[in-house]
Amino acid sequence: MRVGKVKLLPYVRPGDPAMGDLIRGLKGTASAVLLSNDGPVVAGADLRSAFFAAEELEETAN
């Protein structure tokens, strides 16, 4: 799996700058994270690779 192990981030209120701090704290080690009470966030070098990462994450979650 290209996205690797998906880290679950704790819940923070929408718009809270703490979410940015949590994601930056990963230092680029994750291509995908799961936000508690929300859903996945994926990243890629470009839109195409981010799309494929999201598609792969969805397929492996089924």
C-alpha atoms as a PDB file:
ATOM      1  CA  MET A   1       0.000   0.000   0.000  1.00  0.00           C
ATOM      2  CA  ARG A   2       1.485   3.332  -1.042  1.00  0.00           C
ATOM      3  CA  VAL A   3      -0.069   5.382   1.752  1.00  0.00           C
ATOM      4  CA  GLY A   4       1.432   3.152   4.441  1.00  0.00           C
ATOM      5  CA  LYS A   5       0.073   2.986   7.956  1.00  0.00           C
ATOM      6  CA  VAL A   6      -2.636   5.604   8.500  1.00  0.00           C
ATOM      7  CA  LYS A   7      -2.270   7.592  11.718  1.00  0.00           C
ATOM      8  CA  LEU A   8      -5.392   8.580  13.669  1.00  0.00           C
ATOM      9  CA  LEU A   9      -5.210  12.180  14.856  1.00  0.00           C
ATOM     10  CA  PRO A  10      -7.212  13.299  17.906  1.00  0.00           C
ATOM     11  CA  TYR A  11     -10.317  15.433  17.544  1.00  0.00           C
ATOM     12  CA  VAL A  12      -9.950  19.193  17.486  1.00  0.00           C
ATOM     13  CA  ARG A  13     -12.659  21.701  16.690  1.00  0.00           C
ATOM     14  CA  PRO A  14     -12.944  22.792  13.046  1.00  0.00           C
ATOM     15  CA  GLY A  15     -10.672  25.742  12.328  1.00  0.00           C
ATOM     16  CA  ASP A  16      -8.510  25.149  15.397  1.00  0.00           C
ATOM     17  CA  PRO A  17      -4.846  25.884  14.549  1.00  0.00           C
ATOM     18  CA  ALA A  18      -3.915  22.850  16.654  1.00  0.00           C
ATOM     19  CA  MET A  19      -4.830  20.612  13.686  1.00  0.00           C
ATOM     20  CA  GLY A  20      -2.108  22.233  11.596  1.00  0.00           C
ATOM     21  CA  ASP A  21       0.322  21.680  14.443  1.00  0.00           C
ATOM     22  CA  LEU A  22      -0.640  17.986  14.624  1.00  0.00           C
ATOM     23  CA  ILE A  23      -0.147  17.491  10.894  1.00  0.00           C
ATOM     24  CA  ARG A  24       3.117  19.453  10.807  1.00  0.00           C
ATOM     25  CA  GLY A  25       4.298  17.346  13.740  1.00  0.00           C
ATOM     26  CA  LEU A  26       4.254  14.297  11.464  1.00  0.00           C
ATOM     27  CA  LYS A  27       7.073  15.950   9.463  1.00  0.00           C
ATOM     28  CA  GLY A  28       5.946  14.461   6.168  1.00  0.00           C
ATOM     29  CA  THR A  29       6.149  10.863   7.404  1.00  0.00           C
ATOM     30  CA  ALA A  30       2.533  10.092   6.456  1.00  0.00           C
ATOM     31  CA  SER A  31       0.789  10.305   3.085  1.00  0.00           C
ATOM     32  CA  ALA A  32      -2.586   9.940   4.765  1.00  0.00           C
ATOM     33  CA  VAL A  33      -4.094  10.627   8.167  1.00  0.00           C
ATOM     34  CA  LEU A  34      -7.516  10.012   9.622  1.00  0.00           C
ATOM     35  CA  LEU A  35      -9.080  12.872  11.545  1.00  0.00           C
ATOM     36  CA  SER A  36     -11.142  11.661  14.506  1.00  0.00           C
ATOM     37  CA  ASN A  37     -14.861  12.393  14.031  1.00  0.00           C
ATOM     38  CA  ASP A  38     -14.181  13.627  10.493  1.00  0.00           C
ATOM     39  CA  GLY A  39     -12.409  11.615   7.827  1.00  0.00           C
ATOM     40  CA  PRO A  40      -9.226  11.112   5.845  1.00  0.00           C
ATOM     41  CA  VAL A  41      -6.754  13.681   4.592  1.00  0.00           C
ATOM     42  CA  VAL A  42      -4.279  12.583   1.917  1.00  0.00           C
ATOM     43  CA  ALA A  43      -1.251  14.232   0.379  1.00  0.00           C
ATOM     44  CA  GLY A  44       0.799  13.756  -2.736  1.00  0.00           C
ATOM     45  CA  ALA A  45       3.487  15.375  -4.837  1.00  0.00           C
ATOM     46  CA  ASP A  46       0.747  16.529  -7.216  1.00  0.00           C
ATOM     47  CA  LEU A  47      -3.028  16.311  -7.581  1.00  0.00           C
ATOM     48  CA  ARG A  48      -2.860  13.033  -9.492  1.00  0.00           C
ATOM     49  CA  SER A  49      -0.804  11.238  -6.833  1.00  0.00           C
ATOM     50  CA  ALA A  50      -3.022  12.620  -4.047  1.00  0.00           C
ATOM     51  CA  PHE A  51      -6.086  11.340  -5.932  1.00  0.00           C
ATOM     52  CA  PHE A  52      -4.559   7.873  -6.289  1.00  0.00           C
ATOM     53  CA  ALA A  53      -3.623   7.862  -2.590  1.00  0.00           C
ATOM     54  CA  ALA A  54      -7.239   8.709  -1.659  1.00  0.00           C
ATOM     55  CA  GLU A  55      -8.540   6.014  -4.009  1.00  0.00           C
ATOM     56  CA  GLU A  56      -6.161   3.422  -2.559  1.00  0.00           C
ATOM     57  CA  LEU A  57      -7.084   4.369   0.992  1.00  0.00           C
ATOM     58  CA  GLU A  58     -10.781   3.953   0.200  1.00  0.00           C
ATOM     59  CA  GLU A  59     -10.233   0.591  -1.512  1.00  0.00           C
ATOM     60  CA  THR A  60      -8.172  -0.862   1.334  1.00  0.00           C
ATOM     61  CA  ALA A  61     -10.646   0.370   3.959  1.00  0.00           C
ATOM     62  CA  ASN A  62     -13.464  -1.734   2.504  1.00  0.00           C
END
